[in-house]
Amino acid sequence: MRKALPVLVVLAAILGIWWLAVAPMNIRIALDGAERSGAAVVPEGARERQEVSVWALMARNPDLVPLSYAQERPRLPTPGQVATEFWDTTGAMALDGRAMSRRSLLFHAWITLQSTFWGFLLGTSLGIAGAIGIVYSRTLNLSLMPWAIISQTIPIVALAPMIIVLASQLGIEERGVPKAIISAYLCFFPVLVGMVSGLRSPAAAQLDLLRTYSATPSQGFWKLRLPASVPYLFASLKVGIAAALVGTIVGELPTGAIRGLGARILIGDQFGTPLAIWAALFMAAILAGVLVTFLDLAQRVTLRRMGLAEAAR
């Protein structure tokens, strides 16, 4: 309960701020609809209201403010509206036996999760291999690391279409491949940096002790550097899995895909259905939380088996 209480307090604060922001975000839409229905609105005319701040509009029309919380296509939906839409496209459909329907967010989350997994696996493998090379090779340390840092300055929204076009030119028809590559691109850097820090974490005295026992470089890696890097690895994996999920969703946007959480966000934007967008965003957040929690549990188990009980807490 002590661990859950701070999380619940922050969650309650976020929901409170969100609920309070609904009225100023939707008041103009609500007043336009009320005026078309024959209600008295101050000032009259949508054009005149554009010159008045939302706070003044709310103060002049207090009886119409509740309409801001009941819009079918709001600029900012209420938490209750998002929760209802989320349930209708997940739990309700699962109970009806339609969990894998094309309208179900569970189906789209599964599509996104597959590309995220392969991208995470590829990015993690490249990151670990690159970190080992950087630690053991001065040449790679001076060449690979600067380029890895520079690569992160390229906006992913600009890089994603280039990867998709290149994959098409190479005859790669499977749309999951470009998404996995984009996912791996975002995952690669945090794993690389974390593993470099972890492999370099042993103290000089520990390295000198291995040299005293005439340990080979491979023995030093397996017996000292790799075990010391495990806490750093799991910390970077948690960042990497979230970045991989973001990369997959971004990769779904320019492909014209009709499956996946990114596709749901894009379709919701094109058809003007904000609730569908918010429900997909919530599903992405929940999916990220589940993946990070799974890695946290794996970290605790691994560190306890290694005898690092304090680090596992």
C-alpha atoms as a PDB file:
ATOM      1  CA  MET A   1       0.000   0.000   0.000  1.00  0.00           C
ATOM      2  CA  ARG A   2       2.907   2.376   0.740  1.00  0.00           C
ATOM      3  CA  LYS A   3       4.159   1.908  -2.809  1.00  0.00           C
ATOM      4  CA  ALA A   4       0.722   2.204  -4.391  1.00  0.00           C
ATOM      5  CA  LEU A   5      -0.403   5.333  -2.524  1.00  0.00           C
ATOM      6  CA  PRO A   6       2.008   7.809  -4.216  1.00  0.00           C
ATOM      7  CA  VAL A   7       1.061   6.389  -7.628  1.00  0.00           C
ATOM      8  CA  LEU A   8      -2.650   6.747  -6.852  1.00  0.00           C
ATOM      9  CA  VAL A   9      -2.170  10.328  -5.632  1.00  0.00           C
ATOM     10  CA  VAL A  10      -0.360  11.302  -8.840  1.00  0.00           C
ATOM     11  CA  LEU A  11      -3.018   9.525 -10.915  1.00  0.00           C
ATOM     12  CA  ALA A  12      -5.796  11.364  -9.078  1.00  0.00           C
ATOM     13  CA  ALA A  13      -4.026  14.688  -9.657  1.00  0.00           C
ATOM     14  CA  ILE A  14      -3.671  13.966 -13.385  1.00  0.00           C
ATOM     15  CA  LEU A  15      -7.347  13.013 -13.679  1.00  0.00           C
ATOM     16  CA  GLY A  16      -8.363  16.148 -11.776  1.00  0.00           C
ATOM     17  CA  ILE A  17      -6.329  18.450 -14.023  1.00  0.00           C
ATOM     18  CA  TRP A  18      -7.628  16.610 -17.081  1.00  0.00           C
ATOM     19  CA  TRP A  19     -11.261  17.000 -15.980  1.00  0.00           C
ATOM     20  CA  LEU A  20     -10.811  20.712 -15.261  1.00  0.00           C
ATOM     21  CA  ALA A  21      -9.225  21.261 -18.697  1.00  0.00           C
ATOM     22  CA  VAL A  22     -12.206  19.780 -20.539  1.00  0.00           C
ATOM     23  CA  ALA A  23     -14.447  22.858 -20.157  1.00  0.00           C
ATOM     24  CA  PRO A  24     -12.040  25.491 -21.573  1.00  0.00           C
ATOM     25  CA  MET A  25     -11.048  23.144 -24.394  1.00  0.00           C
ATOM     26  CA  ASN A  26     -14.629  22.399 -25.469  1.00  0.00           C
ATOM     27  CA  ILE A  27     -16.526  25.555 -24.524  1.00  0.00           C
ATOM     28  CA  ARG A  28     -16.485  27.037 -28.031  1.00  0.00           C
ATOM     29  CA  ILE A  29     -17.883  23.842 -29.567  1.00  0.00           C
ATOM     30  CA  ALA A  30     -20.509  23.623 -26.822  1.00  0.00           C
ATOM     31  CA  LEU A  31     -21.623  27.237 -27.324  1.00  0.00           C
ATOM     32  CA  ASP A  32     -21.841  26.799 -31.092  1.00  0.00           C
ATOM     33  CA  GLY A  33     -24.066  23.765 -30.656  1.00  0.00           C
ATOM     34  CA  ALA A  34     -26.191  25.495 -28.009  1.00  0.00           C
ATOM     35  CA  GLU A  35     -26.719  28.507 -30.256  1.00  0.00           C
ATOM     36  CA  ARG A  36     -27.836  26.298 -33.148  1.00  0.00           C
ATOM     37  CA  SER A  37     -30.322  24.684 -30.751  1.00  0.00           C
ATOM     38  CA  GLY A  38     -31.845  28.082 -29.964  1.00  0.00           C
ATOM     39  CA  ALA A  39     -30.195  28.771 -26.605  1.00  0.00           C
ATOM     40  CA  ALA A  40     -29.162  32.299 -25.654  1.00  0.00           C
ATOM     41  CA  VAL A  41     -25.373  32.632 -25.913  1.00  0.00           C
ATOM     42  CA  VAL A  42     -23.240  35.645 -24.997  1.00  0.00           C
ATOM     43  CA  PRO A  43     -21.876  36.985 -27.265  1.00  0.00           C
ATOM     44  CA  GLU A  44     -23.948  35.890 -30.229  1.00  0.00           C
ATOM     45  CA  GLY A  45     -22.213  34.542 -33.330  1.00  0.00           C
ATOM     46  CA  ALA A  46     -19.300  32.120 -33.598  1.00  0.00           C
ATOM     47  CA  ARG A  47     -17.101  34.750 -35.248  1.00  0.00           C
ATOM     48  CA  GLU A  48     -17.609  37.195 -32.385  1.00  0.00           C
ATOM     49  CA  ARG A  49     -16.811  34.492 -29.842  1.00  0.00           C
ATOM     50  CA  GLN A  50     -13.482  33.784 -31.528  1.00  0.00           C
ATOM     51  CA  GLU A  51     -12.284  37.172 -30.271  1.00  0.00           C
ATOM     52  CA  VAL A  52     -13.210  36.347 -26.666  1.00  0.00           C
ATOM     53  CA  SER A  53     -11.095  34.147 -24.385  1.00  0.00           C
ATOM     54  CA  VAL A  54     -12.462  30.812 -23.246  1.00  0.00           C
ATOM     55  CA  TRP A  55     -12.406  31.985 -19.646  1.00  0.00           C
ATOM     56  CA  ALA A  56     -14.624  34.962 -20.484  1.00  0.00           C
ATOM     57  CA  LEU A  57     -16.985  32.710 -22.424  1.00  0.00           C
ATOM     58  CA  MET A  58     -17.295  30.375 -19.444  1.00  0.00           C
ATOM     59  CA  ALA A  59     -17.905  33.304 -17.089  1.00  0.00           C
ATOM     60  CA  ARG A  60     -20.625  34.781 -19.346  1.00  0.00           C
ATOM     61  CA  ASN A  61     -22.356  31.444 -19.991  1.00  0.00           C
ATOM     62  CA  PRO A  62     -22.092  29.481 -16.731  1.00  0.00           C
ATOM     63  CA  ASP A  63     -25.310  27.541 -17.384  1.00  0.00           C
ATOM     64  CA  LEU A  64     -23.894  26.189 -20.666  1.00  0.00           C
ATOM     65  CA  VAL A  65     -20.524  25.061 -19.286  1.00  0.00           C
ATOM     66  CA  PRO A  66     -21.828  21.516 -18.487  1.00  0.00           C
ATOM     67  CA  LEU A  67     -22.422  21.030 -22.218  1.00  0.00           C
ATOM     68  CA  SER A  68     -18.623  20.993 -22.630  1.00  0.00           C
ATOM     69  CA  TYR A  69     -18.561  17.633 -20.865  1.00  0.00           C
ATOM     70  CA  ALA A  70     -21.117  15.948 -23.151  1.00  0.00           C
ATOM     71  CA  GLN A  71     -19.764  16.487 -26.667  1.00  0.00           C
ATOM     72  CA  GLU A  72     -19.857  13.611 -29.151  1.00  0.00           C
ATOM     73  CA  ARG A  73     -16.660  14.775 -30.866  1.00  0.00           C
ATOM     74  CA  PRO A  74     -14.883  16.900 -28.263  1.00  0.00           C
ATOM     75  CA  ARG A  75     -11.502  18.496 -28.649  1.00  0.00           C
ATOM     76  CA  LEU A  76     -10.654  17.024 -25.248  1.00  0.00           C
ATOM     77  CA  PRO A  77     -12.843  14.135 -24.039  1.00  0.00           C
ATOM     78  CA  THR A  78     -13.546  13.550 -20.377  1.00  0.00           C
ATOM     79  CA  PRO A  79     -11.872  10.656 -18.544  1.00  0.00           C
ATOM     80  CA  GLY A  80     -15.268   8.950 -18.392  1.00  0.00           C
ATOM     81  CA  GLN A  81     -15.785   9.211 -22.152  1.00  0.00           C
ATOM     82  CA  VAL A  82     -12.351   7.732 -22.819  1.00  0.00           C
ATOM     83  CA  ALA A  83     -12.945   4.953 -20.287  1.00  0.00           C
ATOM     84  CA  THR A  84     -16.279   4.102 -21.913  1.00  0.00           C
ATOM     85  CA  GLU A  85     -14.769   4.015 -25.402  1.00  0.00           C
ATOM     86  CA  PHE A  86     -11.852   1.949 -24.135  1.00  0.00           C
ATOM     87  CA  TRP A  87     -14.169  -0.592 -22.507  1.00  0.00           C
ATOM     88  CA  ASP A  88     -16.394  -0.803 -25.582  1.00  0.00           C
ATOM     89  CA  THR A  89     -13.397  -1.634 -27.792  1.00  0.00           C
ATOM     90  CA  THR A  90     -11.640  -4.012 -25.375  1.00  0.00           C
ATOM     91  CA  GLY A  91     -13.489  -5.608 -22.469  1.00  0.00           C
ATOM     92  CA  ALA A  92     -16.983  -5.548 -23.950  1.00  0.00           C
ATOM     93  CA  MET A  93     -15.783  -7.050 -27.230  1.00  0.00           C
ATOM     94  CA  ALA A  94     -13.758  -9.683 -25.383  1.00  0.00           C
ATOM     95  CA  LEU A  95     -16.829 -10.717 -23.394  1.00  0.00           C
ATOM     96  CA  ASP A  96     -18.750 -11.032 -26.662  1.00  0.00           C
ATOM     97  CA  GLY A  97     -16.068 -13.316 -28.095  1.00  0.00           C
ATOM     98  CA  ARG A  98     -14.779 -10.627 -30.467  1.00  0.00           C
ATOM     99  CA  ALA A  99     -11.411  -9.959 -28.848  1.00  0.00           C
ATOM    100  CA  MET A 100      -9.611 -10.451 -32.178  1.00  0.00           C
ATOM    101  CA  SER A 101     -12.135  -8.479 -34.227  1.00  0.00           C
ATOM    102  CA  ARG A 102     -10.745  -5.748 -36.490  1.00  0.00           C
ATOM    103  CA  ARG A 103     -12.587  -3.196 -34.327  1.00  0.00           C
ATOM    104  CA  SER A 104     -11.028  -4.471 -31.105  1.00  0.00           C
ATOM    105  CA  LEU A 105      -8.076  -2.628 -29.615  1.00  0.00           C
ATOM    106  CA  LEU A 106      -6.803  -5.967 -28.328  1.00  0.00           C
ATOM    107  CA  PHE A 107      -6.357  -7.098 -31.938  1.00  0.00           C
ATOM    108  CA  HIS A 108      -4.529  -3.898 -32.898  1.00  0.00           C
ATOM    109  CA  ALA A 109      -2.380  -4.058 -29.744  1.00  0.00           C
ATOM    110  CA  TRP A 110      -1.335  -7.595 -30.702  1.00  0.00           C
ATOM    111  CA  ILE A 111      -0.309  -6.420 -34.192  1.00  0.00           C
ATOM    112  CA  THR A 112       1.752  -3.591 -32.707  1.00  0.00           C
ATOM    113  CA  LEU A 113       3.246  -5.868 -30.067  1.00  0.00           C
ATOM    114  CA  GLN A 114       4.631  -8.288 -32.663  1.00  0.00           C
ATOM    115  CA  SER A 115       6.645  -5.613 -34.479  1.00  0.00           C
ATOM    116  CA  THR A 116       7.683  -4.142 -31.128  1.00  0.00           C
ATOM    117  CA  PHE A 117       9.039  -7.516 -30.004  1.00  0.00           C
ATOM    118  CA  TRP A 118      11.118  -8.076 -33.147  1.00  0.00           C
ATOM    119  CA  GLY A 119      12.366  -4.494 -33.146  1.00  0.00           C
ATOM    120  CA  PHE A 120      13.253  -4.733 -29.458  1.00  0.00           C
ATOM    121  CA  LEU A 121      15.104  -8.003 -30.042  1.00  0.00           C
ATOM    122  CA  LEU A 122      17.039  -6.554 -32.979  1.00  0.00           C
ATOM    123  CA  GLY A 123      17.829  -3.252 -31.268  1.00  0.00           C
ATOM    124  CA  THR A 124      18.893  -4.960 -28.039  1.00  0.00           C
ATOM    125  CA  SER A 125      21.173  -7.399 -29.875  1.00  0.00           C
ATOM    126  CA  LEU A 126      22.837  -4.614 -31.848  1.00  0.00           C
ATOM    127  CA  GLY A 127      23.148  -2.449 -28.746  1.00  0.00           C
ATOM    128  CA  ILE A 128      24.817  -5.176 -26.684  1.00  0.00           C
ATOM    129  CA  ALA A 129      27.146  -6.144 -29.541  1.00  0.00           C
ATOM    130  CA  GLY A 130      28.058  -2.501 -30.138  1.00  0.00           C
ATOM    131  CA  ALA A 131      28.723  -1.924 -26.431  1.00  0.00           C
ATOM    132  CA  ILE A 132      31.074  -4.906 -26.246  1.00  0.00           C
ATOM    133  CA  GLY A 133      32.945  -3.625 -29.297  1.00  0.00           C
ATOM    134  CA  ILE A 134      33.233  -0.118 -27.850  1.00  0.00           C
ATOM    135  CA  VAL A 135      34.550  -1.345 -24.509  1.00  0.00           C
ATOM    136  CA  TYR A 136      37.138  -3.709 -25.994  1.00  0.00           C
ATOM    137  CA  SER A 137      38.147  -1.710 -29.072  1.00  0.00           C
ATOM    138  CA  ARG A 138      39.553   1.804 -28.923  1.00  0.00           C
ATOM    139  CA  THR A 139      38.858   2.220 -32.645  1.00  0.00           C
ATOM    140  CA  LEU A 140      35.162   1.449 -32.230  1.00  0.00           C
ATOM    141  CA  ASN A 141      35.042   3.645 -29.154  1.00  0.00           C
ATOM    142  CA  LEU A 142      36.289   6.619 -31.158  1.00  0.00           C
ATOM    143  CA  SER A 143      34.179   5.883 -34.231  1.00  0.00           C
ATOM    144  CA  LEU A 144      30.957   4.052 -33.358  1.00  0.00           C
ATOM    145  CA  MET A 145      29.898   5.994 -30.262  1.00  0.00           C
ATOM    146  CA  PRO A 146      29.932   9.466 -31.910  1.00  0.00           C
ATOM    147  CA  TRP A 147      27.911   8.135 -34.844  1.00  0.00           C
ATOM    148  CA  ALA A 148      25.453   6.463 -32.468  1.00  0.00           C
ATOM    149  CA  ILE A 149      24.935   9.792 -30.701  1.00  0.00           C
ATOM    150  CA  ILE A 150      24.567  11.688 -33.989  1.00  0.00           C
ATOM    151  CA  SER A 151      21.992   9.167 -35.230  1.00  0.00           C
ATOM    152  CA  GLN A 152      19.652  10.116 -32.397  1.00  0.00           C
ATOM    153  CA  THR A 153      19.422  13.702 -33.657  1.00  0.00           C
ATOM    154  CA  ILE A 154      17.497  12.542 -36.765  1.00  0.00           C
ATOM    155  CA  PRO A 155      13.730  12.934 -36.180  1.00  0.00           C
ATOM    156  CA  ILE A 156      12.046   9.552 -36.359  1.00  0.00           C
ATOM    157  CA  VAL A 157       9.054  11.052 -38.196  1.00  0.00           C
ATOM    158  CA  ALA A 158      11.449  12.003 -41.015  1.00  0.00           C
ATOM    159  CA  LEU A 159      13.343   8.727 -40.955  1.00  0.00           C
ATOM    160  CA  ALA A 160      10.321   6.419 -40.910  1.00  0.00           C
ATOM    161  CA  PRO A 161       9.083   7.203 -44.460  1.00  0.00           C
ATOM    162  CA  MET A 162      12.630   6.784 -45.806  1.00  0.00           C
ATOM    163  CA  ILE A 163      12.918   3.315 -44.259  1.00  0.00           C
ATOM    164  CA  ILE A 164       9.516   2.320 -45.622  1.00  0.00           C
ATOM    165  CA  VAL A 165      10.381   3.513 -49.164  1.00  0.00           C
ATOM    166  CA  LEU A 166      13.770   1.772 -49.029  1.00  0.00           C
ATOM    167  CA  ALA A 167      12.167  -1.480 -47.879  1.00  0.00           C
ATOM    168  CA  SER A 168       9.707  -1.248 -50.751  1.00  0.00           C
ATOM    169  CA  GLN A 169      12.542  -0.679 -53.237  1.00  0.00           C
ATOM    170  CA  LEU A 170      14.328  -3.761 -51.904  1.00  0.00           C
ATOM    171  CA  GLY A 171      11.204  -5.829 -52.479  1.00  0.00           C
ATOM    172  CA  ILE A 172      10.314  -6.249 -48.809  1.00  0.00           C
ATOM    173  CA  GLU A 173       6.539  -6.473 -48.957  1.00  0.00           C
ATOM    174  CA  GLU A 174       5.954  -7.442 -45.340  1.00  0.00           C
ATOM    175  CA  ARG A 175       4.935  -4.220 -43.569  1.00  0.00           C
ATOM    176  CA  GLY A 176       6.072  -5.527 -40.215  1.00  0.00           C
ATOM    177  CA  VAL A 177       9.729  -5.433 -41.301  1.00  0.00           C
ATOM    178  CA  PRO A 178      10.023  -1.621 -41.702  1.00  0.00           C
ATOM    179  CA  LYS A 179       8.169  -1.145 -38.409  1.00  0.00           C
ATOM    180  CA  ALA A 180      10.584  -3.503 -36.661  1.00  0.00           C
ATOM    181  CA  ILE A 181      13.561  -1.613 -38.115  1.00  0.00           C
ATOM    182  CA  ILE A 182      12.183   1.723 -36.926  1.00  0.00           C
ATOM    183  CA  SER A 183      11.503   0.172 -33.519  1.00  0.00           C
ATOM    184  CA  ALA A 184      15.055  -1.197 -33.360  1.00  0.00           C
ATOM    185  CA  TYR A 185      16.450   2.220 -34.285  1.00  0.00           C
ATOM    186  CA  LEU A 186      14.896   3.829 -31.219  1.00  0.00           C
ATOM    187  CA  CYS A 187      15.721   0.892 -28.956  1.00  0.00           C
ATOM    188  CA  PHE A 188      19.356   0.567 -30.003  1.00  0.00           C
ATOM    189  CA  PHE A 189      20.776   3.737 -28.425  1.00  0.00           C
ATOM    190  CA  PRO A 190      19.584   3.385 -24.782  1.00  0.00           C
ATOM    191  CA  VAL A 191      20.743  -0.242 -24.713  1.00  0.00           C
ATOM    192  CA  LEU A 192      24.126   0.716 -26.189  1.00  0.00           C
ATOM    193  CA  VAL A 193      24.731   3.507 -23.682  1.00  0.00           C
ATOM    194  CA  GLY A 194      23.516   1.453 -20.724  1.00  0.00           C
ATOM    195  CA  MET A 195      25.660  -1.553 -21.597  1.00  0.00           C
ATOM    196  CA  VAL A 196      28.766   0.588 -22.158  1.00  0.00           C
ATOM    197  CA  SER A 197      28.308   2.083 -18.691  1.00  0.00           C
ATOM    198  CA  GLY A 198      27.685  -1.362 -17.205  1.00  0.00           C
ATOM    199  CA  LEU A 199      30.685  -3.036 -18.833  1.00  0.00           C
ATOM    200  CA  ARG A 200      32.904  -0.193 -17.639  1.00  0.00           C
ATOM    201  CA  SER A 201      31.472  -0.193 -14.107  1.00  0.00           C
ATOM    202  CA  PRO A 202      33.979  -2.612 -12.473  1.00  0.00           C
ATOM    203  CA  ALA A 203      36.580  -0.773 -10.380  1.00  0.00           C
ATOM    204  CA  ALA A 204      40.229  -0.643 -11.392  1.00  0.00           C
ATOM    205  CA  ALA A 205      41.140  -2.781  -8.370  1.00  0.00           C
ATOM    206  CA  GLN A 206      38.833  -5.558  -9.596  1.00  0.00           C
ATOM    207  CA  LEU A 207      40.355  -5.489 -13.064  1.00  0.00           C
ATOM    208  CA  ASP A 208      43.862  -5.532 -11.574  1.00  0.00           C
ATOM    209  CA  LEU A 209      42.928  -8.553  -9.458  1.00  0.00           C
ATOM    210  CA  LEU A 210      41.924 -10.468 -12.600  1.00  0.00           C
ATOM    211  CA  ARG A 211      45.229  -9.579 -14.242  1.00  0.00           C
ATOM    212  CA  THR A 212      47.021 -10.822 -11.133  1.00  0.00           C
ATOM    213  CA  TYR A 213      45.336 -14.214 -11.607  1.00  0.00           C
ATOM    214  CA  SER A 214      46.300 -14.138 -15.329  1.00  0.00           C
ATOM    215  CA  ALA A 215      42.669 -14.124 -16.393  1.00  0.00           C
ATOM    216  CA  THR A 216      42.042 -13.938 -20.122  1.00  0.00           C
ATOM    217  CA  PRO A 217      39.915 -11.112 -21.608  1.00  0.00           C
ATOM    218  CA  SER A 218      37.056 -13.553 -22.164  1.00  0.00           C
ATOM    219  CA  GLN A 219      37.223 -14.690 -18.522  1.00  0.00           C
ATOM    220  CA  GLY A 220      37.206 -11.057 -17.429  1.00  0.00           C
ATOM    221  CA  PHE A 221      34.137 -10.468 -19.555  1.00  0.00           C
ATOM    222  CA  TRP A 222      32.115 -13.467 -18.355  1.00  0.00           C
ATOM    223  CA  LYS A 223      33.235 -13.395 -14.710  1.00  0.00           C
ATOM    224  CA  LEU A 224      33.330  -9.652 -14.016  1.00  0.00           C
ATOM    225  CA  ARG A 225      32.198  -7.219 -16.694  1.00  0.00           C
ATOM    226  CA  LEU A 226      29.003  -8.988 -17.781  1.00  0.00           C
ATOM    227  CA  PRO A 227      27.655  -9.689 -14.249  1.00  0.00           C
ATOM    228  CA  ALA A 228      28.438  -6.106 -13.261  1.00  0.00           C
ATOM    229  CA  SER A 229      26.516  -4.797 -16.263  1.00  0.00           C
ATOM    230  CA  VAL A 230      23.271  -6.659 -15.550  1.00  0.00           C
ATOM    231  CA  PRO A 231      21.634  -3.891 -13.443  1.00  0.00           C
ATOM    232  CA  TYR A 232      22.582  -1.342 -16.115  1.00  0.00           C
ATOM    233  CA  LEU A 233      21.258  -3.639 -18.825  1.00  0.00           C
ATOM    234  CA  PHE A 234      17.825  -4.005 -17.269  1.00  0.00           C
ATOM    235  CA  ALA A 235      17.564  -0.251 -16.678  1.00  0.00           C
ATOM    236  CA  SER A 236      18.320   0.384 -20.343  1.00  0.00           C
ATOM    237  CA  LEU A 237      15.963  -2.407 -21.450  1.00  0.00           C
ATOM    238  CA  LYS A 238      13.064  -0.679 -19.690  1.00  0.00           C
ATOM    239  CA  VAL A 239      13.783   2.502 -21.614  1.00  0.00           C
ATOM    240  CA  GLY A 240      14.389   0.508 -24.784  1.00  0.00           C
ATOM    241  CA  ILE A 241      11.103  -1.405 -24.719  1.00  0.00           C
ATOM    242  CA  ALA A 242       9.120   1.825 -24.331  1.00  0.00           C
ATOM    243  CA  ALA A 243      11.118   3.423 -27.150  1.00  0.00           C
ATOM    244  CA  ALA A 244      10.577   0.335 -29.317  1.00  0.00           C
ATOM    245  CA  LEU A 245       6.813   0.595 -28.801  1.00  0.00           C
ATOM    246  CA  VAL A 246       6.869   4.272 -29.789  1.00  0.00           C
ATOM    247  CA  GLY A 247       8.930   3.405 -32.860  1.00  0.00           C
ATOM    248  CA  THR A 248       6.426   0.770 -33.945  1.00  0.00           C
ATOM    249  CA  ILE A 249       3.476   3.129 -33.572  1.00  0.00           C
ATOM    250  CA  VAL A 250       5.295   5.880 -35.482  1.00  0.00           C
ATOM    251  CA  GLY A 251       6.198   3.335 -38.160  1.00  0.00           C
ATOM    252  CA  GLU A 252       2.520   2.487 -38.626  1.00  0.00           C
ATOM    253  CA  LEU A 253       1.516   6.073 -39.342  1.00  0.00           C
ATOM    254  CA  PRO A 254       3.051   6.676 -42.814  1.00  0.00           C
ATOM    255  CA  THR A 255       2.475   3.161 -44.156  1.00  0.00           C
ATOM    256  CA  GLY A 256      -1.235   3.466 -44.722  1.00  0.00           C
ATOM    257  CA  ALA A 257      -1.700   0.434 -42.511  1.00  0.00           C
ATOM    258  CA  ILE A 258      -5.159  -0.517 -41.315  1.00  0.00           C
ATOM    259  CA  ARG A 259      -3.955  -2.674 -38.427  1.00  0.00           C
ATOM    260  CA  GLY A 260      -2.074  -1.644 -35.316  1.00  0.00           C
ATOM    261  CA  LEU A 261      -2.437   1.082 -32.692  1.00  0.00           C
ATOM    262  CA  GLY A 262      -0.742   3.621 -34.961  1.00  0.00           C
ATOM    263  CA  ALA A 263      -3.260   2.841 -37.675  1.00  0.00           C
ATOM    264  CA  ARG A 264      -6.117   3.311 -35.207  1.00  0.00           C
ATOM    265  CA  ILE A 265      -4.727   6.712 -34.216  1.00  0.00           C
ATOM    266  CA  LEU A 266      -4.365   7.732 -37.869  1.00  0.00           C
ATOM    267  CA  ILE A 267      -7.846   6.520 -38.823  1.00  0.00           C
ATOM    268  CA  GLY A 268      -9.351   8.291 -35.822  1.00  0.00           C
ATOM    269  CA  ASP A 269      -7.667  11.515 -36.902  1.00  0.00           C
ATOM    270  CA  GLN A 270      -8.815  11.176 -40.507  1.00  0.00           C
ATOM    271  CA  PHE A 271     -12.445  10.475 -39.610  1.00  0.00           C
ATOM    272  CA  GLY A 272     -12.595  13.023 -36.793  1.00  0.00           C
ATOM    273  CA  THR A 273     -13.207  10.596 -33.931  1.00  0.00           C
ATOM    274  CA  PRO A 274     -11.124  11.849 -30.985  1.00  0.00           C
ATOM    275  CA  LEU A 275     -12.416   9.125 -28.659  1.00  0.00           C
ATOM    276  CA  ALA A 276     -10.901   6.432 -30.903  1.00  0.00           C
ATOM    277  CA  ILE A 277      -7.561   8.261 -30.794  1.00  0.00           C
ATOM    278  CA  TRP A 278      -7.593   8.572 -27.020  1.00  0.00           C
ATOM    279  CA  ALA A 279      -8.616   4.942 -26.528  1.00  0.00           C
ATOM    280  CA  ALA A 280      -5.713   3.820 -28.745  1.00  0.00           C
ATOM    281  CA  LEU A 281      -3.328   6.063 -26.809  1.00  0.00           C
ATOM    282  CA  PHE A 282      -4.513   4.538 -23.534  1.00  0.00           C
ATOM    283  CA  MET A 283      -4.014   1.049 -24.920  1.00  0.00           C
ATOM    284  CA  ALA A 284      -0.460   1.995 -25.957  1.00  0.00           C
ATOM    285  CA  ALA A 285       0.240   3.363 -22.466  1.00  0.00           C
ATOM    286  CA  ILE A 286      -1.141   0.228 -20.805  1.00  0.00           C
ATOM    287  CA  LEU A 287       0.868  -1.974 -23.156  1.00  0.00           C
ATOM    288  CA  ALA A 288       4.044  -0.050 -22.338  1.00  0.00           C
ATOM    289  CA  GLY A 289       3.324  -0.362 -18.624  1.00  0.00           C
ATOM    290  CA  VAL A 290       2.823  -4.124 -18.914  1.00  0.00           C
ATOM    291  CA  LEU A 291       6.075  -4.562 -20.857  1.00  0.00           C
ATOM    292  CA  VAL A 292       8.097  -2.462 -18.405  1.00  0.00           C
ATOM    293  CA  THR A 293       6.534  -4.308 -15.450  1.00  0.00           C
ATOM    294  CA  PHE A 294       7.459  -7.645 -17.015  1.00  0.00           C
ATOM    295  CA  LEU A 295      11.074  -6.496 -17.402  1.00  0.00           C
ATOM    296  CA  ASP A 296      11.081  -5.221 -13.812  1.00  0.00           C
ATOM    297  CA  LEU A 297       9.950  -8.640 -12.553  1.00  0.00           C
ATOM    298  CA  ALA A 298      12.615 -10.325 -14.694  1.00  0.00           C
ATOM    299  CA  GLN A 299      15.200  -7.958 -13.224  1.00  0.00           C
ATOM    300  CA  ARG A 300      14.200  -8.774  -9.648  1.00  0.00           C
ATOM    301  CA  VAL A 301      14.348 -12.515 -10.281  1.00  0.00           C
ATOM    302  CA  THR A 302      17.689 -12.310 -12.107  1.00  0.00           C
ATOM    303  CA  LEU A 303      19.374 -10.118  -9.513  1.00  0.00           C
ATOM    304  CA  ARG A 304      18.168 -12.291  -6.644  1.00  0.00           C
ATOM    305  CA  ARG A 305      19.561 -15.391  -8.352  1.00  0.00           C
ATOM    306  CA  MET A 306      22.852 -13.513  -8.735  1.00  0.00           C
ATOM    307  CA  GLY A 307      22.845 -12.715  -5.023  1.00  0.00           C
ATOM    308  CA  LEU A 308      22.202  -9.001  -5.489  1.00  0.00           C
ATOM    309  CA  ALA A 309      19.216  -8.771  -3.170  1.00  0.00           C
ATOM    310  CA  GLU A 310      19.696  -5.063  -2.400  1.00  0.00           C
ATOM    311  CA  ALA A 311      19.808  -4.122  -6.064  1.00  0.00           C
ATOM    312  CA  ALA A 312      16.658  -6.173  -6.722  1.00  0.00           C
ATOM    313  CA  ARG A 313      14.546  -4.079  -4.330  1.00  0.00           C
END
